[in-house]
């Protein structure tokens, strides 16, 4: 029997960046879905309590914009000119890394391990 060597194909960096932004979106969905299983979380949402205080139109708009940007970056990583693509991915990548680090729950139940 003849064995076939597996060839590793070259994937363009833009496709890798787009996939990373999509993965971030899946992580948000995963975290939000399983976060609903935390005791009292759903009751707090229904009562209008958000992660940083009472829910308002402004906080909902800010959250929607914060979550819409990675979704747009899935497309923009493929469509933008190289210079814009590079800098936008660097700046937004650093920004979202900071957001994840600041909002990641710490062991033991405090709201964040960094703040």
PDB file of N, CA and C in Angstrom:
ATOM      1  N   UNK A   1       0.842  -1.176   0.000  1.00  0.00           N
ATOM      2  CA  UNK A   1       0.000   0.000   0.000  1.00  0.00           C
ATOM      3  C   UNK A   1       0.888   1.242   0.000  1.00  0.00           C
ATOM      4  N   UNK A   2       0.529   2.183  -0.799  1.00  0.00           N
ATOM      5  CA  UNK A   2       1.310   3.411  -0.929  1.00  0.00           C
ATOM      6  C   UNK A   2       0.855   4.424   0.118  1.00  0.00           C
ATOM      7  N   UNK A   3       1.813   5.012   0.845  1.00  0.00           N
ATOM      8  CA  UNK A   3       1.474   6.041   1.820  1.00  0.00           C
ATOM      9  C   UNK A   3       1.596   7.400   1.153  1.00  0.00           C
ATOM     10  N   UNK A   4       0.705   8.271   1.502  1.00  0.00           N
ATOM     11  CA  UNK A   4       0.691   9.627   0.942  1.00  0.00           C
ATOM     12  C   UNK A   4       1.183  10.584   2.015  1.00  0.00           C
ATOM     13  N   UNK A   5       2.170  11.361   1.645  1.00  0.00           N
ATOM     14  CA  UNK A   5       2.693  12.359   2.580  1.00  0.00           C
ATOM     15  C   UNK A   5       1.680  13.502   2.694  1.00  0.00           C
ATOM     16  N   UNK A   6       1.480  13.937   3.892  1.00  0.00           N
ATOM     17  CA  UNK A   6       0.580  15.064   4.102  1.00  0.00           C
ATOM     18  C   UNK A   6       1.332  16.362   3.864  1.00  0.00           C
ATOM     19  N   UNK A   7       0.812  17.156   2.978  1.00  0.00           N
ATOM     20  CA  UNK A   7       1.426  18.450   2.694  1.00  0.00           C
ATOM     21  C   UNK A   7       0.697  19.527   3.477  1.00  0.00           C
ATOM     22  N   UNK A   8       1.465  20.401   4.074  1.00  0.00           N
ATOM     23  CA  UNK A   8       0.896  21.529   4.787  1.00  0.00           C
ATOM     24  C   UNK A   8       0.746  22.680   3.804  1.00  0.00           C
ATOM     25  N   UNK A   9      -0.481  23.137   3.608  1.00  0.00           N
ATOM     26  CA  UNK A   9      -0.698  24.226   2.659  1.00  0.00           C
ATOM     27  C   UNK A   9      -0.396  25.561   3.331  1.00  0.00           C
ATOM     28  N   UNK A  10      -0.018  26.520   2.540  1.00  0.00           N
ATOM     29  CA  UNK A  10       0.233  27.869   3.039  1.00  0.00           C
ATOM     30  C   UNK A  10      -1.088  28.626   3.108  1.00  0.00           C
ATOM     31  N   UNK A  11      -1.425  29.092   4.305  1.00  0.00           N
ATOM     32  CA  UNK A  11      -2.646  29.871   4.503  1.00  0.00           C
ATOM     33  C   UNK A  11      -2.231  31.326   4.652  1.00  0.00           C
ATOM     34  N   UNK A  12      -2.876  32.184   3.872  1.00  0.00           N
ATOM     35  CA  UNK A  12      -2.551  33.614   3.905  1.00  0.00           C
ATOM     36  C   UNK A  12      -2.842  34.186   5.296  1.00  0.00           C
ATOM     37  N   UNK A  13      -2.027  35.118   5.717  1.00  0.00           N
ATOM     38  CA  UNK A  13      -2.153  35.733   7.043  1.00  0.00           C
ATOM     39  C   UNK A  13      -3.532  36.347   7.234  1.00  0.00           C
ATOM     40  N   UNK A  14      -4.105  36.912   6.202  1.00  0.00           N
ATOM     41  CA  UNK A  14      -5.433  37.533   6.324  1.00  0.00           C
ATOM     42  C   UNK A  14      -6.493  36.512   6.724  1.00  0.00           C
ATOM     43  N   UNK A  15      -6.398  35.293   6.193  1.00  0.00           N
ATOM     44  CA  UNK A  15      -7.359  34.264   6.564  1.00  0.00           C
ATOM     45  C   UNK A  15      -7.152  33.842   8.014  1.00  0.00           C
ATOM     46  N   UNK A  16      -5.914  33.812   8.456  1.00  0.00           N
ATOM     47  CA  UNK A  16      -5.631  33.479   9.851  1.00  0.00           C
ATOM     48  C   UNK A  16      -6.195  34.550  10.783  1.00  0.00           C
ATOM     49  N   UNK A  17      -6.001  35.824  10.428  1.00  0.00           N
ATOM     50  CA  UNK A  17      -6.532  36.907  11.247  1.00  0.00           C
ATOM     51  C   UNK A  17      -8.053  36.865  11.295  1.00  0.00           C
ATOM     52  N   UNK A  18      -8.670  36.640  10.162  1.00  0.00           N
ATOM     53  CA  UNK A  18     -10.123  36.543  10.105  1.00  0.00           C
ATOM     54  C   UNK A  18     -10.624  35.405  10.980  1.00  0.00           C
ATOM     55  N   UNK A  19      -9.939  34.271  10.941  1.00  0.00           N
ATOM     56  CA  UNK A  19     -10.327  33.132  11.767  1.00  0.00           C
ATOM     57  C   UNK A  19     -10.148  33.435  13.256  1.00  0.00           C
ATOM     58  N   UNK A  20      -9.114  34.186  13.603  1.00  0.00           N
ATOM     59  CA  UNK A  20      -8.909  34.548  15.007  1.00  0.00           C
ATOM     60  C   UNK A  20     -10.023  35.457  15.516  1.00  0.00           C
ATOM     61  N   UNK A  21     -10.466  36.405  14.691  1.00  0.00           N
ATOM     62  CA  UNK A  21     -11.583  37.267  15.088  1.00  0.00           C
ATOM     63  C   UNK A  21     -12.862  36.448  15.239  1.00  0.00           C
ATOM     64  N   UNK A  22     -13.078  35.485  14.338  1.00  0.00           N
ATOM     65  CA  UNK A  22     -14.255  34.612  14.452  1.00  0.00           C
ATOM     66  C   UNK A  22     -14.169  33.776  15.727  1.00  0.00           C
ATOM     67  N   UNK A  23     -12.974  33.299  16.062  1.00  0.00           N
ATOM     68  CA  UNK A  23     -12.789  32.521  17.288  1.00  0.00           C
ATOM     69  C   UNK A  23     -13.099  33.364  18.525  1.00  0.00           C
ATOM     70  N   UNK A  24     -12.720  34.631  18.495  1.00  0.00           N
ATOM     71  CA  UNK A  24     -13.045  35.527  19.609  1.00  0.00           C
ATOM     72  C   UNK A  24     -14.549  35.639  19.773  1.00  0.00           C
ATOM     73  N   UNK A  25     -15.262  35.743  18.660  1.00  0.00           N
ATOM     74  CA  UNK A  25     -16.718  35.818  18.728  1.00  0.00           C
ATOM     75  C   UNK A  25     -17.303  34.538  19.334  1.00  0.00           C
ATOM     76  N   UNK A  26     -16.766  33.381  18.956  1.00  0.00           N
ATOM     77  CA  UNK A  26     -17.244  32.127  19.531  1.00  0.00           C
ATOM     78  C   UNK A  26     -16.948  32.068  21.027  1.00  0.00           C
ATOM     79  N   UNK A  27     -15.817  32.604  21.453  1.00  0.00           N
ATOM     80  CA  UNK A  27     -15.498  32.638  22.885  1.00  0.00           C
ATOM     81  C   UNK A  27     -16.480  33.524  23.643  1.00  0.00           C
ATOM     82  N   UNK A  28     -16.877  34.655  23.049  1.00  0.00           N
ATOM     83  CA  UNK A  28     -17.893  35.508  23.674  1.00  0.00           C
ATOM     84  C   UNK A  28     -19.202  34.749  23.837  1.00  0.00           C
ATOM     85  N   UNK A  29     -19.626  34.046  22.788  1.00  0.00           N
ATOM     86  CA  UNK A  29     -20.874  33.293  22.838  1.00  0.00           C
ATOM     87  C   UNK A  29     -20.784  32.201  23.900  1.00  0.00           C
ATOM     88  N   UNK A  30     -19.668  31.496  23.915  1.00  0.00           N
ATOM     89  CA  UNK A  30     -19.437  30.433  24.894  1.00  0.00           C
ATOM     90  C   UNK A  30     -19.516  30.996  26.317  1.00  0.00           C
ATOM     91  N   UNK A  31     -18.815  32.092  26.566  1.00  0.00           N
ATOM     92  CA  UNK A  31     -18.808  32.694  27.904  1.00  0.00           C
ATOM     93  C   UNK A  31     -20.176  33.195  28.319  1.00  0.00           C
ATOM     94  N   UNK A  32     -20.888  33.825  27.398  1.00  0.00           N
ATOM     95  CA  UNK A  32     -22.224  34.334  27.730  1.00  0.00           C
ATOM     96  C   UNK A  32     -23.199  33.191  27.996  1.00  0.00           C
ATOM     97  N   UNK A  33     -23.145  32.147  27.190  1.00  0.00           N
ATOM     98  CA  UNK A  33     -24.061  31.026  27.350  1.00  0.00           C
ATOM     99  C   UNK A  33     -23.850  30.337  28.698  1.00  0.00           C
ATOM    100  N   UNK A  34     -22.608  29.976  28.992  1.00  0.00           N
ATOM    101  CA  UNK A  34     -22.355  29.270  30.243  1.00  0.00           C
ATOM    102  C   UNK A  34     -22.415  30.201  31.450  1.00  0.00           C
ATOM    103  N   UNK A  35     -22.270  31.495  31.232  1.00  0.00           N
ATOM    104  CA  UNK A  35     -22.435  32.447  32.325  1.00  0.00           C
ATOM    105  C   UNK A  35     -23.855  32.495  32.843  1.00  0.00           C
ATOM    106  N   UNK A  36     -24.821  32.117  32.008  1.00  0.00           N
ATOM    107  CA  UNK A  36     -26.214  32.108  32.452  1.00  0.00           C
ATOM    108  C   UNK A  36     -26.493  31.018  33.481  1.00  0.00           C
ATOM    109  N   UNK A  37     -25.579  30.049  33.610  1.00  0.00           N
ATOM    110  CA  UNK A  37     -25.752  28.985  34.589  1.00  0.00           C
ATOM    111  C   UNK A  37     -25.237  29.369  35.976  1.00  0.00           C
ATOM    112  N   UNK A  38     -24.626  30.526  36.104  1.00  0.00           N
ATOM    113  CA  UNK A  38     -24.167  30.992  37.419  1.00  0.00           C
ATOM    114  C   UNK A  38     -25.404  31.347  38.249  1.00  0.00           C
ATOM    115  N   UNK A  39     -25.527  30.798  39.452  1.00  0.00           N
ATOM    116  CA  UNK A  39     -26.712  31.081  40.270  1.00  0.00           C
ATOM    117  C   UNK A  39     -26.914  32.579  40.483  1.00  0.00           C
ATOM    118  N   UNK A  40     -28.124  33.038  40.242  1.00  0.00           N
ATOM    119  CA  UNK A  40     -28.482  34.439  40.443  1.00  0.00           C
ATOM    120  C   UNK A  40     -28.204  35.345  39.256  1.00  0.00           C
ATOM    121  N   UNK A  41     -27.466  34.857  38.281  1.00  0.00           N
ATOM    122  CA  UNK A  41     -27.097  35.691  37.132  1.00  0.00           C
ATOM    123  C   UNK A  41     -28.325  36.092  36.310  1.00  0.00           C
ATOM    124  N   UNK A  42     -29.167  35.145  35.992  1.00  0.00           N
ATOM    125  CA  UNK A  42     -30.343  35.433  35.180  1.00  0.00           C
ATOM    126  C   UNK A  42     -31.308  36.356  35.912  1.00  0.00           C
ATOM    127  N   UNK A  43     -31.466  36.157  37.208  1.00  0.00           N
ATOM    128  CA  UNK A  43     -32.333  37.041  37.991  1.00  0.00           C
ATOM    129  C   UNK A  43     -31.787  38.468  38.003  1.00  0.00           C
ATOM    130  N   UNK A  44     -30.462  38.597  38.065  1.00  0.00           N
ATOM    131  CA  UNK A  44     -29.844  39.925  38.009  1.00  0.00           C
ATOM    132  C   UNK A  44     -30.069  40.609  36.668  1.00  0.00           C
ATOM    133  N   UNK A  45     -29.969  39.841  35.596  1.00  0.00           N
ATOM    134  CA  UNK A  45     -30.216  40.399  34.260  1.00  0.00           C
ATOM    135  C   UNK A  45     -31.664  40.863  34.155  1.00  0.00           C
ATOM    136  N   UNK A  46     -32.598  40.016  34.611  1.00  0.00           N
ATOM    137  CA  UNK A  46     -34.020  40.370  34.551  1.00  0.00           C
ATOM    138  C   UNK A  46     -34.343  41.585  35.422  1.00  0.00           C
ATOM    139  N   UNK A  47     -33.572  41.777  36.493  1.00  0.00           N
ATOM    140  CA  UNK A  47     -33.779  42.931  37.377  1.00  0.00           C
ATOM    141  C   UNK A  47     -33.108  44.194  36.847  1.00  0.00           C
ATOM    142  N   UNK A  48     -32.365  44.076  35.741  1.00  0.00           N
ATOM    143  CA  UNK A  48     -31.741  45.261  35.154  1.00  0.00           C
ATOM    144  C   UNK A  48     -30.353  45.559  35.671  1.00  0.00           C
ATOM    145  N   UNK A  49     -29.709  44.579  36.296  1.00  0.00           N
ATOM    146  CA  UNK A  49     -28.340  44.774  36.775  1.00  0.00           C
ATOM    147  C   UNK A  49     -27.366  44.242  35.733  1.00  0.00           C
ATOM    148  N   UNK A  50     -26.413  45.083  35.369  1.00  0.00           N
ATOM    149  CA  UNK A  50     -25.385  44.686  34.422  1.00  0.00           C
ATOM    150  C   UNK A  50     -24.066  44.452  35.117  1.00  0.00           C
ATOM    151  N   UNK A  51     -23.034  44.090  34.370  1.00  0.00           N
ATOM    152  CA  UNK A  51     -21.743  43.813  34.990  1.00  0.00           C
ATOM    153  C   UNK A  51     -21.070  45.037  35.598  1.00  0.00           C
ATOM    154  N   UNK A  52     -21.437  46.237  35.143  1.00  0.00           N
ATOM    155  CA  UNK A  52     -20.798  47.450  35.670  1.00  0.00           C
ATOM    156  C   UNK A  52     -21.806  48.400  36.299  1.00  0.00           C
ATOM    157  N   UNK A  53     -23.005  47.908  36.609  1.00  0.00           N
ATOM    158  CA  UNK A  53     -24.017  48.753  37.224  1.00  0.00           C
ATOM    159  C   UNK A  53     -25.361  48.558  36.551  1.00  0.00           C
ATOM    160  N   UNK A  54     -26.280  49.483  36.800  1.00  0.00           N
ATOM    161  CA  UNK A  54     -27.607  49.358  36.203  1.00  0.00           C
ATOM    162  C   UNK A  54     -27.540  49.424  34.668  1.00  0.00           C
ATOM    163  N   UNK A  55     -28.416  48.663  34.041  1.00  0.00           N
ATOM    164  CA  UNK A  55     -28.480  48.649  32.581  1.00  0.00           C
ATOM    165  C   UNK A  55     -29.196  49.906  32.110  1.00  0.00           C
ATOM    166  N   UNK A  56     -28.602  50.564  31.118  1.00  0.00           N
ATOM    167  CA  UNK A  56     -29.208  51.752  30.526  1.00  0.00           C
ATOM    168  C   UNK A  56     -29.067  51.655  29.010  1.00  0.00           C
ATOM    169  N   UNK A  57     -29.692  52.576  28.309  1.00  0.00           N
ATOM    170  CA  UNK A  57     -29.553  52.590  26.853  1.00  0.00           C
ATOM    171  C   UNK A  57     -28.097  52.800  26.447  1.00  0.00           C
ATOM    172  N   UNK A  58     -27.394  53.641  27.175  1.00  0.00           N
ATOM    173  CA  UNK A  58     -25.988  53.902  26.878  1.00  0.00           C
ATOM    174  C   UNK A  58     -25.116  52.677  27.081  1.00  0.00           C
ATOM    175  N   UNK A  59     -25.340  51.957  28.184  1.00  0.00           N
ATOM    176  CA  UNK A  59     -24.514  50.766  28.434  1.00  0.00           C
ATOM    177  C   UNK A  59     -24.825  49.663  27.429  1.00  0.00           C
ATOM    178  N   UNK A  60     -26.081  49.537  27.031  1.00  0.00           N
ATOM    179  CA  UNK A  60     -26.441  48.542  26.015  1.00  0.00           C
ATOM    180  C   UNK A  60     -25.853  48.902  24.655  1.00  0.00           C
ATOM    181  N   UNK A  61     -25.852  50.182  24.306  1.00  0.00           N
ATOM    182  CA  UNK A  61     -25.260  50.621  23.041  1.00  0.00           C
ATOM    183  C   UNK A  61     -23.752  50.386  23.045  1.00  0.00           C
ATOM    184  N   UNK A  62     -23.100  50.727  24.143  1.00  0.00           N
ATOM    185  CA  UNK A  62     -21.653  50.512  24.245  1.00  0.00           C
ATOM    186  C   UNK A  62     -21.311  49.029  24.148  1.00  0.00           C
ATOM    187  N   UNK A  63     -22.097  48.188  24.797  1.00  0.00           N
ATOM    188  CA  UNK A  63     -21.863  46.742  24.729  1.00  0.00           C
ATOM    189  C   UNK A  63     -22.083  46.225  23.320  1.00  0.00           C
ATOM    190  N   UNK A  64     -23.120  46.703  22.654  1.00  0.00           N
ATOM    191  CA  UNK A  64     -23.386  46.280  21.274  1.00  0.00           C
ATOM    192  C   UNK A  64     -22.231  46.674  20.355  1.00  0.00           C
ATOM    193  N   UNK A  65     -21.708  47.883  20.519  1.00  0.00           N
ATOM    194  CA  UNK A  65     -20.572  48.311  19.693  1.00  0.00           C
ATOM    195  C   UNK A  65     -19.326  47.508  20.009  1.00  0.00           C
ATOM    196  N   UNK A  66     -19.115  47.226  21.287  1.00  0.00           N
ATOM    197  CA  UNK A  66     -17.954  46.447  21.704  1.00  0.00           C
ATOM    198  C   UNK A  66     -17.984  45.039  21.099  1.00  0.00           C
ATOM    199  N   UNK A  67     -19.170  44.470  20.975  1.00  0.00           N
ATOM    200  CA  UNK A  67     -19.301  43.131  20.418  1.00  0.00           C
ATOM    201  C   UNK A  67     -19.413  43.126  18.892  1.00  0.00           C
ATOM    202  N   UNK A  68     -19.794  44.249  18.293  1.00  0.00           N
ATOM    203  CA  UNK A  68     -19.932  44.304  16.837  1.00  0.00           C
ATOM    204  C   UNK A  68     -18.581  44.429  16.141  1.00  0.00           C
ATOM    205  N   UNK A  69     -17.616  45.064  16.774  1.00  0.00           N
ATOM    206  CA  UNK A  69     -16.319  45.296  16.144  1.00  0.00           C
ATOM    207  C   UNK A  69     -15.612  43.990  15.764  1.00  0.00           C
ATOM    208  N   UNK A  70     -15.513  42.987  16.650  1.00  0.00           N
ATOM    209  CA  UNK A  70     -14.874  41.733  16.218  1.00  0.00           C
ATOM    210  C   UNK A  70     -15.606  41.069  15.056  1.00  0.00           C
ATOM    211  N   UNK A  71     -16.926  41.179  15.034  1.00  0.00           N
ATOM    212  CA  UNK A  71     -17.688  40.641  13.916  1.00  0.00           C
ATOM    213  C   UNK A  71     -17.350  41.332  12.609  1.00  0.00           C
ATOM    214  N   UNK A  72     -17.177  42.640  12.665  1.00  0.00           N
ATOM    215  CA  UNK A  72     -16.764  43.383  11.468  1.00  0.00           C
ATOM    216  C   UNK A  72     -15.338  43.060  11.068  1.00  0.00           C
ATOM    217  N   UNK A  73     -14.492  42.796  12.052  1.00  0.00           N
ATOM    218  CA  UNK A  73     -13.091  42.496  11.751  1.00  0.00           C
ATOM    219  C   UNK A  73     -12.921  41.171  11.027  1.00  0.00           C
ATOM    220  N   UNK A  74     -13.873  40.250  11.168  1.00  0.00           N
ATOM    221  CA  UNK A  74     -13.825  39.006  10.395  1.00  0.00           C
ATOM    222  C   UNK A  74     -13.788  39.358   8.909  1.00  0.00           C
ATOM    223  N   UNK A  75     -14.636  40.292   8.506  1.00  0.00           N
ATOM    224  CA  UNK A  75     -14.677  40.735   7.108  1.00  0.00           C
ATOM    225  C   UNK A  75     -13.544  41.699   6.775  1.00  0.00           C
ATOM    226  N   UNK A  76     -13.333  42.689   7.632  1.00  0.00           N
ATOM    227  CA  UNK A  76     -12.349  43.726   7.318  1.00  0.00           C
ATOM    228  C   UNK A  76     -10.927  43.181   7.229  1.00  0.00           C
ATOM    229  N   UNK A  77     -10.621  42.118   7.961  1.00  0.00           N
ATOM    230  CA  UNK A  77      -9.288  41.509   7.867  1.00  0.00           C
ATOM    231  C   UNK A  77      -9.013  40.981   6.466  1.00  0.00           C
ATOM    232  N   UNK A  78     -10.073  40.662   5.744  1.00  0.00           N
ATOM    233  CA  UNK A  78      -9.922  40.163   4.369  1.00  0.00           C
ATOM    234  C   UNK A  78     -10.060  41.270   3.326  1.00  0.00           C
ATOM    235  N   UNK A  79     -10.778  42.335   3.660  1.00  0.00           N
ATOM    236  CA  UNK A  79     -11.148  43.321   2.644  1.00  0.00           C
ATOM    237  C   UNK A  79     -10.318  44.606   2.646  1.00  0.00           C
ATOM    238  N   UNK A  80      -9.714  44.972   3.755  1.00  0.00           N
ATOM    239  CA  UNK A  80      -8.988  46.242   3.839  1.00  0.00           C
ATOM    240  C   UNK A  80      -7.667  46.204   3.088  1.00  0.00           C
ATOM    241  N   UNK A  81      -7.188  47.380   2.771  1.00  0.00           N
ATOM    242  CA  UNK A  81      -5.844  47.504   2.188  1.00  0.00           C
ATOM    243  C   UNK A  81      -4.825  47.017   3.220  1.00  0.00           C
ATOM    244  N   UNK A  82      -3.688  46.480   2.767  1.00  0.00           N
ATOM    245  CA  UNK A  82      -2.712  45.886   3.705  1.00  0.00           C
ATOM    246  C   UNK A  82      -2.294  46.799   4.860  1.00  0.00           C
ATOM    247  N   UNK A  83      -2.039  48.060   4.566  1.00  0.00           N
ATOM    248  CA  UNK A  83      -1.587  48.976   5.627  1.00  0.00           C
ATOM    249  C   UNK A  83      -2.666  49.143   6.695  1.00  0.00           C
ATOM    250  N   UNK A  84      -3.912  49.383   6.268  1.00  0.00           N
ATOM    251  CA  UNK A  84      -5.016  49.536   7.212  1.00  0.00           C
ATOM    252  C   UNK A  84      -5.275  48.242   7.968  1.00  0.00           C
ATOM    253  N   UNK A  85      -5.211  47.143   7.260  1.00  0.00           N
ATOM    254  CA  UNK A  85      -5.443  45.834   7.867  1.00  0.00           C
ATOM    255  C   UNK A  85      -4.432  45.576   8.985  1.00  0.00           C
ATOM    256  N   UNK A  86      -3.174  45.849   8.711  1.00  0.00           N
ATOM    257  CA  UNK A  86      -2.122  45.604   9.700  1.00  0.00           C
ATOM    258  C   UNK A  86      -2.353  46.424  10.959  1.00  0.00           C
ATOM    259  N   UNK A  87      -2.510  47.737  10.803  1.00  0.00           N
ATOM    260  CA  UNK A  87      -2.617  48.598  11.981  1.00  0.00           C
ATOM    261  C   UNK A  87      -3.928  48.406  12.731  1.00  0.00           C
ATOM    262  N   UNK A  88      -5.006  48.188  12.009  1.00  0.00           N
ATOM    263  CA  UNK A  88      -6.281  47.971  12.677  1.00  0.00           C
ATOM    264  C   UNK A  88      -6.250  46.669  13.485  1.00  0.00           C
ATOM    265  N   UNK A  89      -5.638  45.632  12.940  1.00  0.00           N
ATOM    266  CA  UNK A  89      -5.526  44.370  13.673  1.00  0.00           C
ATOM    267  C   UNK A  89      -4.612  44.504  14.885  1.00  0.00           C
ATOM    268  N   UNK A  90      -3.538  45.258  14.771  1.00  0.00           N
ATOM    269  CA  UNK A  90      -2.638  45.459  15.914  1.00  0.00           C
ATOM    270  C   UNK A  90      -3.345  46.242  17.016  1.00  0.00           C
ATOM    271  N   UNK A  91      -3.940  47.370  16.658  1.00  0.00           N
ATOM    272  CA  UNK A  91      -4.571  48.238  17.658  1.00  0.00           C
ATOM    273  C   UNK A  91      -5.776  47.552  18.302  1.00  0.00           C
ATOM    274  N   UNK A  92      -6.675  47.015  17.475  1.00  0.00           N
ATOM    275  CA  UNK A  92      -7.860  46.372  18.036  1.00  0.00           C
ATOM    276  C   UNK A  92      -7.517  45.064  18.744  1.00  0.00           C
ATOM    277  N   UNK A  93      -6.509  44.354  18.263  1.00  0.00           N
ATOM    278  CA  UNK A  93      -6.071  43.143  18.948  1.00  0.00           C
ATOM    279  C   UNK A  93      -5.578  43.443  20.349  1.00  0.00           C
ATOM    280  N   UNK A  94      -4.776  44.491  20.493  1.00  0.00           N
ATOM    281  CA  UNK A  94      -4.297  44.894  21.821  1.00  0.00           C
ATOM    282  C   UNK A  94      -5.452  45.367  22.704  1.00  0.00           C
ATOM    283  N   UNK A  95      -6.370  46.131  22.117  1.00  0.00           N
ATOM    284  CA  UNK A  95      -7.529  46.634  22.864  1.00  0.00           C
ATOM    285  C   UNK A  95      -8.382  45.480  23.392  1.00  0.00           C
ATOM    286  N   UNK A  96      -8.694  44.525  22.533  1.00  0.00           N
ATOM    287  CA  UNK A  96      -9.534  43.408  22.960  1.00  0.00           C
ATOM    288  C   UNK A  96      -8.797  42.453  23.890  1.00  0.00           C
ATOM    289  N   UNK A  97      -7.491  42.363  23.777  1.00  0.00           N
ATOM    290  CA  UNK A  97      -6.716  41.588  24.748  1.00  0.00           C
ATOM    291  C   UNK A  97      -6.853  42.218  26.128  1.00  0.00           C
ATOM    292  N   UNK A  98      -6.758  43.538  26.192  1.00  0.00           N
ATOM    293  CA  UNK A  98      -6.924  44.243  27.468  1.00  0.00           C
ATOM    294  C   UNK A  98      -8.339  44.057  28.010  1.00  0.00           C
ATOM    295  N   UNK A  99      -9.345  44.121  27.152  1.00  0.00           N
ATOM    296  CA  UNK A  99     -10.732  43.933  27.586  1.00  0.00           C
ATOM    297  C   UNK A  99     -10.915  42.538  28.180  1.00  0.00           C
ATOM    298  N   UNK A 100     -10.385  41.531  27.503  1.00  0.00           N
ATOM    299  CA  UNK A 100     -10.520  40.154  27.998  1.00  0.00           C
ATOM    300  C   UNK A 100      -9.811  40.008  29.345  1.00  0.00           C
ATOM    301  N   UNK A 101      -8.601  40.560  29.469  1.00  0.00           N
ATOM    302  CA  UNK A 101      -7.874  40.444  30.728  1.00  0.00           C
ATOM    303  C   UNK A 101      -8.579  41.167  31.867  1.00  0.00           C
ATOM    304  N   UNK A 102      -9.199  42.303  31.573  1.00  0.00           N
ATOM    305  CA  UNK A 102      -9.877  43.072  32.613  1.00  0.00           C
ATOM    306  C   UNK A 102     -11.212  42.473  33.030  1.00  0.00           C
ATOM    307  N   UNK A 103     -11.840  41.713  32.147  1.00  0.00           N
ATOM    308  CA  UNK A 103     -13.167  41.180  32.455  1.00  0.00           C
ATOM    309  C   UNK A 103     -13.154  39.694  32.770  1.00  0.00           C
ATOM    310  N   UNK A 104     -11.985  39.067  32.727  1.00  0.00           N
ATOM    311  CA  UNK A 104     -11.893  37.638  32.998  1.00  0.00           C
ATOM    312  C   UNK A 104     -12.092  37.392  34.490  1.00  0.00           C
ATOM    313  N   UNK A 105     -13.028  36.499  34.845  1.00  0.00           N
ATOM    314  CA  UNK A 105     -13.244  36.254  36.276  1.00  0.00           C
ATOM    315  C   UNK A 105     -12.031  35.565  36.911  1.00  0.00           C
ATOM    316  N   UNK A 106     -11.784  35.939  38.134  1.00  0.00           N
ATOM    317  CA  UNK A 106     -10.660  35.361  38.887  1.00  0.00           C
ATOM    318  C   UNK A 106     -11.144  34.124  39.636  1.00  0.00           C
ATOM    319  N   UNK A 107     -10.226  33.234  39.929  1.00  0.00           N
ATOM    320  CA  UNK A 107     -10.612  32.101  40.779  1.00  0.00           C
ATOM    321  C   UNK A 107     -11.087  32.600  42.134  1.00  0.00           C
ATOM    322  N   UNK A 108     -12.135  32.023  42.641  1.00  0.00           N
ATOM    323  CA  UNK A 108     -12.641  32.441  43.949  1.00  0.00           C
ATOM    324  C   UNK A 108     -13.824  33.365  43.860  1.00  0.00           C
ATOM    325  N   UNK A 109     -14.202  33.793  42.642  1.00  0.00           N
ATOM    326  CA  UNK A 109     -15.448  34.521  42.494  1.00  0.00           C
ATOM    327  C   UNK A 109     -15.376  36.023  42.364  1.00  0.00           C
ATOM    328  N   UNK A 110     -14.204  36.672  42.520  1.00  0.00           N
ATOM    329  CA  UNK A 110     -14.201  38.120  42.330  1.00  0.00           C
ATOM    330  C   UNK A 110     -14.424  38.420  40.849  1.00  0.00           C
ATOM    331  N   UNK A 111     -14.831  39.639  40.540  1.00  0.00           N
ATOM    332  CA  UNK A 111     -15.234  39.960  39.171  1.00  0.00           C
ATOM    333  C   UNK A 111     -14.085  39.987  38.204  1.00  0.00           C
ATOM    334  N   UNK A 112     -12.882  40.301  38.637  1.00  0.00           N
ATOM    335  CA  UNK A 112     -11.741  40.314  37.737  1.00  0.00           C
ATOM    336  C   UNK A 112     -10.462  40.030  38.509  1.00  0.00           C
ATOM    337  N   UNK A 113      -9.532  39.391  37.839  1.00  0.00           N
ATOM    338  CA  UNK A 113      -8.274  39.102  38.501  1.00  0.00           C
ATOM    339  C   UNK A 113      -7.302  40.274  38.409  1.00  0.00           C
ATOM    340  N   UNK A 114      -7.597  41.281  37.600  1.00  0.00           N
ATOM    341  CA  UNK A 114      -6.644  42.371  37.354  1.00  0.00           C
ATOM    342  C   UNK A 114      -7.053  43.677  38.004  1.00  0.00           C
ATOM    343  N   UNK A 115      -8.318  43.854  38.303  1.00  0.00           N
ATOM    344  CA  UNK A 115      -8.775  45.134  38.846  1.00  0.00           C
ATOM    345  C   UNK A 115      -9.084  44.985  40.307  1.00  0.00           C
TER     346      UNK A 115
END
